[in-house]
Amino acid sequence: MRHPDNQESTTVWQAVSRCLLWAVTIVCVCICLALFKPQMNRRAQLDAEIAEWRQKKDEARAVLAESERRRKWVETDPAYLEVWLRDVLDLAKEGETVFHFPLEP
C-alpha cells in the first residue's frame, strides 16, 4: 500500500521536473537565437547588397540596350545620324547658319 505523502511528493516532483524541462527548453532556444542572430543580421545585409547590385545591373543593362539601339540607328538610318550630328555635335551643312536660343530660367 502506498502512503498518500509519497503520492503527493511524486506529483510535486513531476510538476517540478516539467517546469524545469520547460525552463531548460526556453534557455536552449534563447541560446540558439543568441548564437544565430548575428548570422541572420549578416544574411539580411547581404540580401540588401544583392538587391542593390541587381538594381545596378538592371540599370546598366538598360543603358547598354539604349546605346545598342542608338548604334543601330546610326548605322542604318542616315536621317537619325543627321539629326544626331546636328543636335548633339552642333554640326551644320555647308552654307547653313545655326542659331542657338538660350532657355529662359
Foldseek 3Di string as FASTA:
>chain_A
DDDPVVVVVVVVVVVVVVVVVVVVVVVVVVVVCVVCVVVVVVVVVVVVVVVVVVVVVVVVVVVVVVVVVVVVCCVPPVVSVVVCCCPPVVDDDPPDDDDDDDDDD
